[in-house]
Each structure stands twice: as structure tokens, then as C-alpha cells.
Amino acid sequence: MPSHPPGPSAAEFAFDPVRAAPFLTAHSHNGWLGLQYRDHGADWVELELPWRADLVGEATREVLASGPIVSLMDMASGLAIWTRMARFQPIATLDLRVDYTRAAAPRGSVFGRATCYRTTRSAAFVHGIAHEGDPEDPVARMQGVFMTIAADPRSAIGG
């Protein structure tokens, strides 16, 4: 029987936010927003939403609108979940609450740091902040719950 070289180890398939973020933030809505990877730890990820004139909520204030900041926090949450789980699997946002504590500075980027603090068989829990460079002075605080989807439900159809 011929000998085959061993396949990749589980560690080689472990989710790596450094490698995954450029792909996940380059397409669709996240790509259009221009989200950029900044840093991560064992259970957290930080992204940047650069300031752009077309993302402003009020033209006279030149401050990023709330919608792009919510999207920033949603993407950072997903990356934090996959980082904590050390693998990619489908997730869906069930509840995402963003409480704004103050307005962002005009013409400034906003950073979103999300931490996945708990996972269960079917859910992941996150919290985080949006800030402008000083996490001690957040623009907003975020709390969320995501559904984790272990298998594609379509594969169960018809047997």
C-alpha cells in the first residue's frame, strides 16, 4: 500500500484573523466601508473604520454616521468569535446593541474592539467598544449575541 504524506494538522486550519480579515473585509459591505484589521488577542479583534466624507451622518459636523460604526462592531464581533473558537463556522447576528456615549471627533477614524467572552453549543456572546485611539474614552459600547450554526441545514434536506 503506498504511503501518503500526512495531511494538514488542525493547527494549520485554525482560524487566523491576520490572514482572514483582509479577505473578509475586502468584499461586499465591509469592503465598501474600507474596514481594516488592526490587532487581536485570544478572544478579541480590533478593526478600523477610516473616516470618509461619504460615511458622514451630518455634513456640517464631518463625523462618521452611526450605521457604519454598527457595521464595524458587527464585523469585529464575528472575527472575535471565530478567533476564540479557533475555527470558522457560520454565525448569524441575533442581537447587537450599540450605546453611543459621545460623538466621534470630526474627520477621524473609529476603531472597533470586540471580545467574545462566552460560547455555548449554539450561541456566542460578545461585548466591545468603539473608540478613536483611547479605549478609556469610548465613542460607544456594544453588546451582542450571535447564533452559531454547526452544520448547513440544507444538507439535511432529503436525507
C-alpha atoms as a PDB file:
ATOM      1  CA  MET A   1       0.000   0.000   0.000  1.00  0.00           C
ATOM      2  CA  PRO A   2       1.525   3.368  -0.977  1.00  0.00           C
ATOM      3  CA  SER A   3       2.457   5.778   1.754  1.00  0.00           C
ATOM      4  CA  HIS A   4       0.812   9.213   1.649  1.00  0.00           C
ATOM      5  CA  PRO A   5       2.249  12.268   3.340  1.00  0.00           C
ATOM      6  CA  PRO A   6       0.262  13.356   6.381  1.00  0.00           C
ATOM      7  CA  GLY A   7      -2.444  15.938   5.756  1.00  0.00           C
ATOM      8  CA  PRO A   8      -2.510  19.362   7.339  1.00  0.00           C
ATOM      9  CA  SER A   9      -2.830  19.443  11.110  1.00  0.00           C
ATOM     10  CA  ALA A  10      -5.757  21.040  12.924  1.00  0.00           C
ATOM     11  CA  ALA A  11      -3.441  23.917  13.872  1.00  0.00           C
ATOM     12  CA  GLU A  12      -2.830  24.639  10.191  1.00  0.00           C
ATOM     13  CA  PHE A  13      -6.590  25.020   9.717  1.00  0.00           C
ATOM     14  CA  ALA A  14      -7.092  27.116  12.877  1.00  0.00           C
ATOM     15  CA  PHE A  15      -8.784  30.448  12.251  1.00  0.00           C
ATOM     16  CA  ASP A  16      -6.211  33.209  11.911  1.00  0.00           C
ATOM     17  CA  PRO A  17      -7.679  36.736  11.963  1.00  0.00           C
ATOM     18  CA  VAL A  18      -4.492  38.191  10.471  1.00  0.00           C
ATOM     19  CA  ARG A  19      -4.982  36.071   7.345  1.00  0.00           C
ATOM     20  CA  ALA A  20      -8.793  36.051   7.301  1.00  0.00           C
ATOM     21  CA  ALA A  21      -9.545  39.736   7.962  1.00  0.00           C
ATOM     22  CA  PRO A  22      -8.152  41.084   4.672  1.00  0.00           C
ATOM     23  CA  PHE A  23     -10.383  38.670   2.748  1.00  0.00           C
ATOM     24  CA  LEU A  24     -13.478  39.180   4.928  1.00  0.00           C
ATOM     25  CA  THR A  25     -13.134  42.977   4.985  1.00  0.00           C
ATOM     26  CA  ALA A  26     -12.375  43.347   1.260  1.00  0.00           C
ATOM     27  CA  HIS A  27     -15.732  42.201  -0.099  1.00  0.00           C
ATOM     28  CA  SER A  28     -19.345  43.344  -0.088  1.00  0.00           C
ATOM     29  CA  HIS A  29     -20.463  45.863   2.527  1.00  0.00           C
ATOM     30  CA  ASN A  30     -17.328  45.550   4.659  1.00  0.00           C
ATOM     31  CA  GLY A  31     -15.139  46.187   1.624  1.00  0.00           C
ATOM     32  CA  TRP A  32     -17.161  49.211   0.621  1.00  0.00           C
ATOM     33  CA  LEU A  33     -16.775  50.623   4.142  1.00  0.00           C
ATOM     34  CA  GLY A  34     -12.995  50.124   3.967  1.00  0.00           C
ATOM     35  CA  LEU A  35     -12.710  48.202   7.258  1.00  0.00           C
ATOM     36  CA  GLN A  36      -9.110  47.348   8.136  1.00  0.00           C
ATOM     37  CA  TYR A  37      -7.601  44.804  10.535  1.00  0.00           C
ATOM     38  CA  ARG A  38      -5.582  46.342  13.403  1.00  0.00           C
ATOM     39  CA  ASP A  39      -4.903  43.791  16.156  1.00  0.00           C
ATOM     40  CA  HIS A  40      -6.199  40.725  18.005  1.00  0.00           C
ATOM     41  CA  GLY A  41      -5.762  38.514  21.059  1.00  0.00           C
ATOM     42  CA  ALA A  42      -7.041  35.068  22.029  1.00  0.00           C
ATOM     43  CA  ASP A  43     -10.682  36.211  22.198  1.00  0.00           C
ATOM     44  CA  TRP A  44     -10.764  39.749  20.759  1.00  0.00           C
ATOM     45  CA  VAL A  45     -10.247  41.554  17.459  1.00  0.00           C
ATOM     46  CA  GLU A  46      -9.838  45.237  16.661  1.00  0.00           C
ATOM     47  CA  LEU A  47     -10.707  46.777  13.285  1.00  0.00           C
ATOM     48  CA  GLU A  48     -10.516  50.331  11.977  1.00  0.00           C
ATOM     49  CA  LEU A  49     -13.181  52.280  10.117  1.00  0.00           C
ATOM     50  CA  PRO A  50     -11.309  55.088   8.337  1.00  0.00           C
ATOM     51  CA  TRP A  51     -13.058  58.433   8.019  1.00  0.00           C
ATOM     52  CA  ARG A  52     -14.550  59.163   4.606  1.00  0.00           C
ATOM     53  CA  ALA A  53     -16.755  62.048   3.558  1.00  0.00           C
ATOM     54  CA  ASP A  54     -19.418  59.713   2.147  1.00  0.00           C
ATOM     55  CA  LEU A  55     -19.780  57.980   5.547  1.00  0.00           C
ATOM     56  CA  VAL A  56     -20.682  61.181   7.394  1.00  0.00           C
ATOM     57  CA  GLY A  57     -24.058  61.422   9.104  1.00  0.00           C
ATOM     58  CA  GLU A  58     -24.335  65.224   9.141  1.00  0.00           C
ATOM     59  CA  ALA A  59     -22.379  67.149   6.515  1.00  0.00           C
ATOM     60  CA  THR A  60     -21.869  70.149   8.813  1.00  0.00           C
ATOM     61  CA  ARG A  61     -20.239  68.036  11.558  1.00  0.00           C
ATOM     62  CA  GLU A  62     -17.976  65.706   9.493  1.00  0.00           C
ATOM     63  CA  VAL A  63     -18.476  62.850  11.979  1.00  0.00           C
ATOM     64  CA  LEU A  64     -18.902  59.213  10.947  1.00  0.00           C
ATOM     65  CA  ALA A  65     -22.550  58.151  10.915  1.00  0.00           C
ATOM     66  CA  SER A  66     -23.804  55.530  13.366  1.00  0.00           C
ATOM     67  CA  GLY A  67     -24.630  52.914  10.700  1.00  0.00           C
ATOM     68  CA  PRO A  68     -21.025  52.318   9.598  1.00  0.00           C
ATOM     69  CA  ILE A  69     -19.968  52.096  13.262  1.00  0.00           C
ATOM     70  CA  VAL A  70     -22.603  49.394  13.872  1.00  0.00           C
ATOM     71  CA  SER A  71     -21.254  47.503  10.846  1.00  0.00           C
ATOM     72  CA  LEU A  72     -17.709  47.893  12.199  1.00  0.00           C
ATOM     73  CA  MET A  73     -18.747  46.385  15.529  1.00  0.00           C
ATOM     74  CA  ASP A  74     -20.678  43.547  13.868  1.00  0.00           C
ATOM     75  CA  MET A  75     -17.651  42.507  11.765  1.00  0.00           C
ATOM     76  CA  ALA A  76     -15.249  42.822  14.717  1.00  0.00           C
ATOM     77  CA  SER A  77     -17.648  40.619  16.718  1.00  0.00           C
ATOM     78  CA  GLY A  78     -17.676  37.909  14.075  1.00  0.00           C
ATOM     79  CA  LEU A  79     -13.888  37.892  13.873  1.00  0.00           C
ATOM     80  CA  ALA A  80     -13.639  37.756  17.682  1.00  0.00           C
ATOM     81  CA  ILE A  81     -15.995  34.760  17.791  1.00  0.00           C
ATOM     82  CA  TRP A  82     -14.026  32.833  15.163  1.00  0.00           C
ATOM     83  CA  THR A  83     -10.764  33.767  16.886  1.00  0.00           C
ATOM     84  CA  ARG A  84     -11.985  32.430  20.245  1.00  0.00           C
ATOM     85  CA  MET A  85     -13.360  29.253  18.637  1.00  0.00           C
ATOM     86  CA  ALA A  86     -10.129  28.893  16.589  1.00  0.00           C
ATOM     87  CA  ARG A  87     -12.195  27.957  13.534  1.00  0.00           C
ATOM     88  CA  PHE A  88     -14.553  29.446  11.016  1.00  0.00           C
ATOM     89  CA  GLN A  89     -18.164  28.366  11.113  1.00  0.00           C
ATOM     90  CA  PRO A  90     -21.315  30.166  10.027  1.00  0.00           C
ATOM     91  CA  ILE A  91     -22.792  32.645  12.516  1.00  0.00           C
ATOM     92  CA  ALA A  92     -25.787  34.953  12.471  1.00  0.00           C
ATOM     93  CA  THR A  93     -26.281  38.158  14.424  1.00  0.00           C
ATOM     94  CA  LEU A  94     -29.259  37.708  16.752  1.00  0.00           C
ATOM     95  CA  ASP A  95     -28.957  40.865  18.837  1.00  0.00           C
ATOM     96  CA  LEU A  96     -26.483  43.727  18.597  1.00  0.00           C
ATOM     97  CA  ARG A  97     -26.884  46.765  20.810  1.00  0.00           C
ATOM     98  CA  VAL A  98     -24.659  49.809  20.390  1.00  0.00           C
ATOM     99  CA  ASP A  99     -24.953  52.562  23.005  1.00  0.00           C
ATOM    100  CA  TYR A 100     -23.295  55.812  21.996  1.00  0.00           C
ATOM    101  CA  THR A 101     -21.599  57.652  24.856  1.00  0.00           C
ATOM    102  CA  ARG A 102     -20.428  60.661  22.844  1.00  0.00           C
ATOM    103  CA  ALA A 103     -19.921  61.885  19.303  1.00  0.00           C
ATOM    104  CA  ALA A 104     -16.784  60.884  17.455  1.00  0.00           C
ATOM    105  CA  ALA A 105     -14.268  63.586  16.567  1.00  0.00           C
ATOM    106  CA  PRO A 106     -14.705  65.222  13.156  1.00  0.00           C
ATOM    107  CA  ARG A 107     -12.746  63.663  10.278  1.00  0.00           C
ATOM    108  CA  GLY A 108     -11.386  60.862  12.486  1.00  0.00           C
ATOM    109  CA  SER A 109     -11.200  57.094  12.162  1.00  0.00           C
ATOM    110  CA  VAL A 110     -13.059  54.910  14.649  1.00  0.00           C
ATOM    111  CA  PHE A 111     -11.640  51.644  15.998  1.00  0.00           C
ATOM    112  CA  GLY A 112     -13.912  48.783  16.997  1.00  0.00           C
ATOM    113  CA  ARG A 113     -12.699  46.223  19.517  1.00  0.00           C
ATOM    114  CA  ALA A 114     -14.944  43.230  20.194  1.00  0.00           C
ATOM    115  CA  THR A 115     -14.340  40.457  22.721  1.00  0.00           C
ATOM    116  CA  CYS A 116     -16.075  37.079  22.621  1.00  0.00           C
ATOM    117  CA  TYR A 117     -16.406  36.283  26.312  1.00  0.00           C
ATOM    118  CA  ARG A 118     -18.563  33.126  26.146  1.00  0.00           C
ATOM    119  CA  THR A 119     -19.607  30.455  23.690  1.00  0.00           C
ATOM    120  CA  THR A 120     -22.151  27.672  24.038  1.00  0.00           C
ATOM    121  CA  ARG A 121     -23.228  24.904  21.668  1.00  0.00           C
ATOM    122  CA  SER A 122     -25.422  27.318  19.727  1.00  0.00           C
ATOM    123  CA  ALA A 123     -24.553  30.873  20.760  1.00  0.00           C
ATOM    124  CA  ALA A 124     -21.654  33.276  21.179  1.00  0.00           C
ATOM    125  CA  PHE A 125     -21.685  36.359  23.418  1.00  0.00           C
ATOM    126  CA  VAL A 126     -19.657  39.480  22.715  1.00  0.00           C
ATOM    127  CA  HIS A 127     -19.065  42.932  24.120  1.00  0.00           C
ATOM    128  CA  GLY A 128     -16.875  45.746  22.935  1.00  0.00           C
ATOM    129  CA  ILE A 129     -16.160  49.392  22.409  1.00  0.00           C
ATOM    130  CA  ALA A 130     -15.752  51.828  19.568  1.00  0.00           C
ATOM    131  CA  HIS A 131     -13.029  54.393  20.228  1.00  0.00           C
ATOM    132  CA  GLU A 132     -10.745  56.853  18.460  1.00  0.00           C
ATOM    133  CA  GLY A 133      -7.434  55.591  19.813  1.00  0.00           C
ATOM    134  CA  ASP A 134      -8.082  55.722  23.550  1.00  0.00           C
ATOM    135  CA  PRO A 135     -10.115  52.718  24.750  1.00  0.00           C
ATOM    136  CA  GLU A 136     -10.663  54.518  28.067  1.00  0.00           C
ATOM    137  CA  ASP A 137     -12.698  57.195  26.245  1.00  0.00           C
ATOM    138  CA  PRO A 138     -15.113  55.193  24.046  1.00  0.00           C
ATOM    139  CA  VAL A 139     -17.447  56.633  21.454  1.00  0.00           C
ATOM    140  CA  ALA A 140     -19.793  53.677  22.027  1.00  0.00           C
ATOM    141  CA  ARG A 141     -20.208  50.425  23.926  1.00  0.00           C
ATOM    142  CA  MET A 142     -21.552  47.283  22.296  1.00  0.00           C
ATOM    143  CA  GLN A 143     -23.165  44.048  23.493  1.00  0.00           C
ATOM    144  CA  GLY A 144     -24.257  41.220  21.210  1.00  0.00           C
ATOM    145  CA  VAL A 145     -25.450  37.655  20.847  1.00  0.00           C
ATOM    146  CA  PHE A 146     -24.742  35.546  17.782  1.00  0.00           C
ATOM    147  CA  MET A 147     -26.148  32.174  16.766  1.00  0.00           C
ATOM    148  CA  THR A 148     -23.505  29.629  15.821  1.00  0.00           C
ATOM    149  CA  ILE A 149     -24.544  27.259  13.051  1.00  0.00           C
ATOM    150  CA  ALA A 150     -22.766  23.911  13.379  1.00  0.00           C
ATOM    151  CA  ALA A 151     -23.934  22.425  10.071  1.00  0.00           C
ATOM    152  CA  ASP A 152     -25.562  23.642   6.899  1.00  0.00           C
ATOM    153  CA  PRO A 153     -29.287  22.870   7.437  1.00  0.00           C
ATOM    154  CA  ARG A 154     -29.675  22.424   3.670  1.00  0.00           C
ATOM    155  CA  SER A 155     -27.531  19.276   3.831  1.00  0.00           C
ATOM    156  CA  ALA A 156     -30.243  17.558   5.941  1.00  0.00           C
ATOM    157  CA  ILE A 157     -32.939  18.116   3.314  1.00  0.00           C
ATOM    158  CA  GLY A 158     -33.857  14.941   1.509  1.00  0.00           C
ATOM    159  CA  GLY A 159     -31.782  12.641   3.564  1.00  0.00           C
END
